[in-house]
PDB file of N, CA and C in Angstrom:
ATOM      1  N   LYS A   1      31.617 -39.030   9.695  1.00  0.00           N
ATOM      2  CA  LYS A   1      30.211 -39.390   9.816  1.00  0.00           C
ATOM      3  C   LYS A   1      29.432 -38.162  10.279  1.00  0.00           C
ATOM      4  N   PHE A   2      28.207 -38.015   9.712  1.00  0.00           N
ATOM      5  CA  PHE A   2      27.389 -36.859  10.040  1.00  0.00           C
ATOM      6  C   PHE A   2      26.674 -37.050  11.372  1.00  0.00           C
ATOM      7  N   GLU A   3      26.472 -35.939  12.055  1.00  0.00           N
ATOM      8  CA  GLU A   3      25.801 -35.996  13.348  1.00  0.00           C
ATOM      9  C   GLU A   3      24.309 -36.297  13.201  1.00  0.00           C
ATOM     10  N   PHE A   4      23.660 -35.699  12.177  1.00  0.00           N
ATOM     11  CA  PHE A   4      22.236 -35.913  11.936  1.00  0.00           C
ATOM     12  C   PHE A   4      22.048 -36.406  10.507  1.00  0.00           C
ATOM     13  N   PRO A   5      21.918 -37.695  10.302  1.00  0.00           N
ATOM     14  CA  PRO A   5      21.703 -38.214   8.940  1.00  0.00           C
ATOM     15  C   PRO A   5      20.429 -37.643   8.322  1.00  0.00           C
ATOM     16  N   ILE A   6      20.462 -37.411   7.019  1.00  0.00           N
ATOM     17  CA  ILE A   6      19.340 -36.805   6.304  1.00  0.00           C
ATOM     18  C   ILE A   6      18.094 -37.677   6.370  1.00  0.00           C
ATOM     19  N   ASN A   7      18.263 -38.979   6.320  1.00  0.00           N
ATOM     20  CA  ASN A   7      17.097 -39.858   6.265  1.00  0.00           C
ATOM     21  C   ASN A   7      16.402 -40.034   7.610  1.00  0.00           C
ATOM     22  N   GLN A   8      16.897 -39.417   8.650  1.00  0.00           N
ATOM     23  CA  GLN A   8      16.250 -39.489   9.961  1.00  0.00           C
ATOM     24  C   GLN A   8      15.696 -38.115  10.314  1.00  0.00           C
ATOM     25  N   ALA A   9      14.471 -37.867   9.886  1.00  0.00           N
ATOM     26  CA  ALA A   9      13.845 -36.570  10.108  1.00  0.00           C
ATOM     27  C   ALA A   9      13.354 -36.455  11.542  1.00  0.00           C
ATOM     28  N   ASP A  10      13.325 -35.236  12.029  1.00  0.00           N
ATOM     29  CA  ASP A  10      12.807 -34.967  13.368  1.00  0.00           C
ATOM     30  C   ASP A  10      11.287 -34.993  13.306  1.00  0.00           C
ATOM     31  N   GLU A  11      10.678 -35.988  13.879  1.00  0.00           N
ATOM     32  CA  GLU A  11       9.231 -36.139  13.812  1.00  0.00           C
ATOM     33  C   GLU A  11       8.515 -35.361  14.900  1.00  0.00           C
ATOM     34  N   ASP A  12       9.242 -34.765  15.829  1.00  0.00           N
ATOM     35  CA  ASP A  12       8.614 -33.990  16.892  1.00  0.00           C
ATOM     36  C   ASP A  12       8.209 -32.601  16.410  1.00  0.00           C
ATOM     37  N   GLY A  13       8.800 -32.148  15.325  1.00  0.00           N
ATOM     38  CA  GLY A  13       8.521 -30.808  14.806  1.00  0.00           C
ATOM     39  C   GLY A  13       7.205 -30.775  14.053  1.00  0.00           C
ATOM     40  N   GLU A  14       6.969 -29.666  13.383  1.00  0.00           N
ATOM     41  CA  GLU A  14       5.740 -29.511  12.610  1.00  0.00           C
ATOM     42  C   GLU A  14       5.730 -30.491  11.446  1.00  0.00           C
ATOM     43  N   SER A  15       4.579 -31.070  11.194  1.00  0.00           N
ATOM     44  CA  SER A  15       4.470 -31.986  10.064  1.00  0.00           C
ATOM     45  C   SER A  15       4.097 -31.244   8.788  1.00  0.00           C
ATOM     46  N   ASP A  16       3.564 -30.037   8.920  1.00  0.00           N
ATOM     47  CA  ASP A  16       3.161 -29.250   7.754  1.00  0.00           C
ATOM     48  C   ASP A  16       4.106 -28.054   7.628  1.00  0.00           C
ATOM     49  N   HIS A  17       5.162 -28.217   6.872  1.00  0.00           N
ATOM     50  CA  HIS A  17       6.145 -27.149   6.703  1.00  0.00           C
ATOM     51  C   HIS A  17       5.728 -26.242   5.560  1.00  0.00           C
ATOM     52  N   GLU A  18       5.943 -24.950   5.738  1.00  0.00           N
ATOM     53  CA  GLU A  18       5.633 -23.993   4.688  1.00  0.00           C
ATOM     54  C   GLU A  18       6.875 -23.725   3.864  1.00  0.00           C
ATOM     55  N   LEU A  19       6.654 -23.495   2.571  1.00  0.00           N
ATOM     56  CA  LEU A  19       7.759 -23.149   1.688  1.00  0.00           C
ATOM     57  C   LEU A  19       8.139 -21.695   1.916  1.00  0.00           C
ATOM     58  N   PRO A  20       9.399 -21.359   1.747  1.00  0.00           N
ATOM     59  CA  PRO A  20       9.764 -19.943   1.805  1.00  0.00           C
ATOM     60  C   PRO A  20       8.963 -19.175   0.751  1.00  0.00           C
ATOM     61  N   GLU A  21       8.645 -17.934   1.050  1.00  0.00           N
ATOM     62  CA  GLU A  21       7.791 -17.121   0.181  1.00  0.00           C
ATOM     63  C   GLU A  21       8.323 -17.054  -1.253  1.00  0.00           C
ATOM     64  N   GLU A  22       9.624 -16.835  -1.414  1.00  0.00           N
ATOM     65  CA  GLU A  22      10.230 -16.732  -2.750  1.00  0.00           C
ATOM     66  C   GLU A  22      10.070 -18.036  -3.528  1.00  0.00           C
ATOM     67  N   LEU A  23      10.305 -19.171  -2.871  1.00  0.00           N
ATOM     68  CA  LEU A  23      10.184 -20.471  -3.532  1.00  0.00           C
ATOM     69  C   LEU A  23       8.731 -20.745  -3.913  1.00  0.00           C
ATOM     70  N   ALA A  24       7.798 -20.405  -3.047  1.00  0.00           N
ATOM     71  CA  ALA A  24       6.375 -20.596  -3.346  1.00  0.00           C
ATOM     72  C   ALA A  24       5.969 -19.755  -4.553  1.00  0.00           C
ATOM     73  N   ARG A  25       6.475 -18.523  -4.628  1.00  0.00           N
ATOM     74  CA  ARG A  25       6.161 -17.638  -5.758  1.00  0.00           C
ATOM     75  C   ARG A  25       6.720 -18.206  -7.058  1.00  0.00           C
ATOM     76  N   LEU A  26       7.952 -18.710  -7.009  1.00  0.00           N
ATOM     77  CA  LEU A  26       8.568 -19.288  -8.205  1.00  0.00           C
ATOM     78  C   LEU A  26       7.822 -20.532  -8.673  1.00  0.00           C
ATOM     79  N   LEU A  27       7.394 -21.362  -7.738  1.00  0.00           N
ATOM     80  CA  LEU A  27       6.638 -22.559  -8.114  1.00  0.00           C
ATOM     81  C   LEU A  27       5.295 -22.190  -8.734  1.00  0.00           C
ATOM     82  N   GLU A  28       4.647 -21.176  -8.190  1.00  0.00           N
ATOM     83  CA  GLU A  28       3.368 -20.731  -8.745  1.00  0.00           C
ATOM     84  C   GLU A  28       3.565 -20.185 -10.153  1.00  0.00           C
ATOM     85  N   GLN A  29       4.623 -19.401 -10.351  1.00  0.00           N
ATOM     86  CA  GLN A  29       4.915 -18.832 -11.662  1.00  0.00           C
ATOM     87  C   GLN A  29       5.233 -19.938 -12.665  1.00  0.00           C
ATOM     88  N   GLU A  30       5.960 -20.962 -12.235  1.00  0.00           N
ATOM     89  CA  GLU A  30       6.330 -22.080 -13.102  1.00  0.00           C
ATOM     90  C   GLU A  30       5.105 -22.872 -13.531  1.00  0.00           C
ATOM     91  N   SER A  31       4.115 -22.967 -12.652  1.00  0.00           N
ATOM     92  CA  SER A  31       2.940 -23.781 -12.957  1.00  0.00           C
ATOM     93  C   SER A  31       1.962 -23.080 -13.893  1.00  0.00           C
ATOM     94  N   LYS A  32       2.111 -21.780 -14.081  1.00  0.00           N
ATOM     95  CA  LYS A  32       1.217 -21.055 -14.977  1.00  0.00           C
ATOM     96  C   LYS A  32       1.502 -21.475 -16.415  1.00  0.00           C
ATOM     97  N   GLU A  33       0.440 -21.681 -17.157  1.00  0.00           N
ATOM     98  CA  GLU A  33       0.570 -22.093 -18.543  1.00  0.00           C
ATOM     99  C   GLU A  33       0.836 -20.863 -19.403  1.00  0.00           C
ATOM    100  N   ILE A  34       1.764 -20.981 -20.313  1.00  0.00           N
ATOM    101  CA  ILE A  34       2.077 -19.866 -21.202  1.00  0.00           C
ATOM    102  C   ILE A  34       0.983 -19.779 -22.264  1.00  0.00           C
ATOM    103  N   GLN A  35       0.377 -18.611 -22.362  1.00  0.00           N
ATOM    104  CA  GLN A  35      -0.704 -18.391 -23.312  1.00  0.00           C
ATOM    105  C   GLN A  35      -0.198 -17.551 -24.482  1.00  0.00           C
ATOM    106  N   PRO A  36      -0.643 -17.856 -25.696  1.00  0.00           N
ATOM    107  CA  PRO A  36      -0.239 -17.031 -26.834  1.00  0.00           C
ATOM    108  C   PRO A  36      -0.887 -15.654 -26.748  1.00  0.00           C
ATOM    109  N   ASN A  37      -0.272 -14.713 -27.417  1.00  0.00           N
ATOM    110  CA  ASN A  37      -0.809 -13.362 -27.438  1.00  0.00           C
ATOM    111  C   ASN A  37      -2.160 -13.385 -28.146  1.00  0.00           C
ATOM    112  N   GLN A  38      -3.179 -12.860 -27.515  1.00  0.00           N
ATOM    113  CA  GLN A  38      -4.535 -12.912 -28.056  1.00  0.00           C
ATOM    114  C   GLN A  38      -4.940 -11.612 -28.752  1.00  0.00           C
ATOM    115  N   GLU A  39      -3.982 -10.768 -29.074  1.00  0.00           N
ATOM    116  CA  GLU A  39      -4.292  -9.505 -29.728  1.00  0.00           C
ATOM    117  C   GLU A  39      -4.843  -9.767 -31.128  1.00  0.00           C
ATOM    118  N   PRO A  40      -5.946  -9.107 -31.497  1.00  0.00           N
ATOM    119  CA  PRO A  40      -6.476  -9.291 -32.855  1.00  0.00           C
ATOM    120  C   PRO A  40      -5.489  -8.733 -33.878  1.00  0.00           C
ATOM    121  N   VAL A  41      -5.329  -9.440 -34.985  1.00  0.00           N
ATOM    122  CA  VAL A  41      -4.398  -9.003 -36.018  1.00  0.00           C
ATOM    123  C   VAL A  41      -5.120  -8.832 -37.342  1.00  0.00           C
ATOM    124  N   GLU A  42      -4.561  -7.973 -38.169  1.00  0.00           N
ATOM    125  CA  GLU A  42      -5.067  -7.730 -39.515  1.00  0.00           C
ATOM    126  C   GLU A  42      -3.972  -8.164 -40.483  1.00  0.00           C
ATOM    127  N   VAL A  43      -4.326  -8.975 -41.485  1.00  0.00           N
ATOM    128  CA  VAL A  43      -3.358  -9.453 -42.469  1.00  0.00           C
ATOM    129  C   VAL A  43      -3.407  -8.524 -43.672  1.00  0.00           C
ATOM    130  N   ILE A  44      -2.234  -7.989 -44.046  1.00  0.00           N
ATOM    131  CA  ILE A  44      -2.130  -7.060 -45.168  1.00  0.00           C
ATOM    132  C   ILE A  44      -1.135  -7.623 -46.171  1.00  0.00           C
ATOM    133  N   ASN A  45      -1.509  -7.606 -47.461  1.00  0.00           N
ATOM    134  CA  ASN A  45      -0.630  -8.073 -48.528  1.00  0.00           C
ATOM    135  C   ASN A  45       0.201  -6.896 -49.027  1.00  0.00           C
ATOM    136  N   LEU A  46       1.514  -6.960 -48.857  1.00  0.00           N
ATOM    137  CA  LEU A  46       2.402  -5.898 -49.328  1.00  0.00           C
ATOM    138  C   LEU A  46       2.892  -6.164 -50.747  1.00  0.00           C
ATOM    139  N   GLY A  47       2.597  -7.343 -51.267  1.00  0.00           N
ATOM    140  CA  GLY A  47       3.014  -7.712 -52.620  1.00  0.00           C
ATOM    141  C   GLY A  47       1.882  -7.506 -53.609  1.00  0.00           C
ATOM    142  N   THR A  48       1.837  -8.390 -54.593  1.00  0.00           N
ATOM    143  CA  THR A  48       0.782  -8.363 -55.608  1.00  0.00           C
ATOM    144  C   THR A  48      -0.066  -9.615 -55.454  1.00  0.00           C
ATOM    145  N   GLU A  49      -1.078  -9.749 -56.329  1.00  0.00           N
ATOM    146  CA  GLU A  49      -1.910 -10.951 -56.273  1.00  0.00           C
ATOM    147  C   GLU A  49      -1.085 -12.195 -56.591  1.00  0.00           C
ATOM    148  N   ASP A  50      -0.119 -12.060 -57.534  1.00  0.00           N
ATOM    149  CA  ASP A  50       0.714 -13.199 -57.921  1.00  0.00           C
ATOM    150  C   ASP A  50       1.850 -13.440 -56.924  1.00  0.00           C
ATOM    151  N   ASP A  51       2.417 -12.377 -56.399  1.00  0.00           N
ATOM    152  CA  ASP A  51       3.541 -12.481 -55.458  1.00  0.00           C
ATOM    153  C   ASP A  51       3.072 -11.971 -54.087  1.00  0.00           C
ATOM    154  N   VAL A  52       2.393 -12.854 -53.372  1.00  0.00           N
ATOM    155  CA  VAL A  52       1.791 -12.474 -52.090  1.00  0.00           C
ATOM    156  C   VAL A  52       2.873 -12.340 -51.022  1.00  0.00           C
ATOM    157  N   ARG A  53       2.857 -11.207 -50.339  1.00  0.00           N
ATOM    158  CA  ARG A  53       3.763 -10.950 -49.205  1.00  0.00           C
ATOM    159  C   ARG A  53       2.917 -10.377 -48.077  1.00  0.00           C
ATOM    160  N   GLU A  54       2.445 -11.278 -47.247  1.00  0.00           N
ATOM    161  CA  GLU A  54       1.538 -10.870 -46.182  1.00  0.00           C
ATOM    162  C   GLU A  54       2.293 -10.539 -44.901  1.00  0.00           C
ATOM    163  N   VAL A  55       1.790  -9.532 -44.228  1.00  0.00           N
ATOM    164  CA  VAL A  55       2.286  -9.188 -42.896  1.00  0.00           C
ATOM    165  C   VAL A  55       1.075  -9.113 -41.972  1.00  0.00           C
ATOM    166  N   LYS A  56       1.303  -9.412 -40.724  1.00  0.00           N
ATOM    167  CA  LYS A  56       0.235  -9.324 -39.730  1.00  0.00           C
ATOM    168  C   LYS A  56       0.508  -8.115 -38.847  1.00  0.00           C
ATOM    169  N   ILE A  57      -0.503  -7.281 -38.717  1.00  0.00           N
ATOM    170  CA  ILE A  57      -0.374  -6.055 -37.933  1.00  0.00           C
ATOM    171  C   ILE A  57      -1.423  -6.089 -36.835  1.00  0.00           C
ATOM    172  N   GLY A  58      -1.018  -5.688 -35.647  1.00  0.00           N
ATOM    173  CA  GLY A  58      -1.965  -5.647 -34.531  1.00  0.00           C
ATOM    174  C   GLY A  58      -3.128  -4.732 -34.856  1.00  0.00           C
ATOM    175  N   ALA A  59      -4.335  -5.251 -34.794  1.00  0.00           N
ATOM    176  CA  ALA A  59      -5.527  -4.473 -35.122  1.00  0.00           C
ATOM    177  C   ALA A  59      -5.804  -3.399 -34.078  1.00  0.00           C
ATOM    178  N   SER A  60      -5.186  -3.511 -32.917  1.00  0.00           N
ATOM    179  CA  SER A  60      -5.415  -2.508 -31.879  1.00  0.00           C
ATOM    180  C   SER A  60      -4.564  -1.252 -32.099  1.00  0.00           C
ATOM    181  N   LEU A  61      -3.632  -1.313 -33.058  1.00  0.00           N
ATOM    182  CA  LEU A  61      -2.825  -0.134 -33.367  1.00  0.00           C
ATOM    183  C   LEU A  61      -3.675   0.904 -34.079  1.00  0.00           C
ATOM    184  N   GLU A  62      -3.385   2.169 -33.840  1.00  0.00           N
ATOM    185  CA  GLU A  62      -4.090   3.233 -34.544  1.00  0.00           C
ATOM    186  C   GLU A  62      -3.563   3.311 -35.968  1.00  0.00           C
ATOM    187  N   ALA A  63      -4.345   3.885 -36.865  1.00  0.00           N
ATOM    188  CA  ALA A  63      -3.991   3.951 -38.289  1.00  0.00           C
ATOM    189  C   ALA A  63      -2.638   4.631 -38.505  1.00  0.00           C
ATOM    190  N   LYS A  64      -2.335   5.688 -37.755  1.00  0.00           N
ATOM    191  CA  LYS A  64      -1.063   6.393 -37.944  1.00  0.00           C
ATOM    192  C   LYS A  64       0.129   5.541 -37.494  1.00  0.00           C
ATOM    193  N   GLU A  65      -0.074   4.615 -36.561  1.00  0.00           N
ATOM    194  CA  GLU A  65       1.003   3.736 -36.104  1.00  0.00           C
ATOM    195  C   GLU A  65       1.260   2.596 -37.079  1.00  0.00           C
ATOM    196  N   ARG A  66       0.283   2.268 -37.914  1.00  0.00           N
ATOM    197  CA  ARG A  66       0.415   1.162 -38.861  1.00  0.00           C
ATOM    198  C   ARG A  66       1.277   1.522 -40.060  1.00  0.00           C
ATOM    199  N   LYS A  67       1.454   2.790 -40.350  1.00  0.00           N
ATOM    200  CA  LYS A  67       2.188   3.220 -41.553  1.00  0.00           C
ATOM    201  C   LYS A  67       3.660   3.010 -41.420  1.00  0.00           C
TER     202      LYS A  67
END
């Protein structure tokens, strides 16, 4: 038998307990909503008009990086 059962909390202590810093950080990170990448893109057809093969390239890339 346990000396201090879990269901009998010490009510003399603080009623407002703080989370450990690491746990609070993880909970905050978990609650953040994942947002899609908002980078503007340019659609380029690498195929022909009949055989369309489009690729999306980040519009923020410089022209020499797109090649």
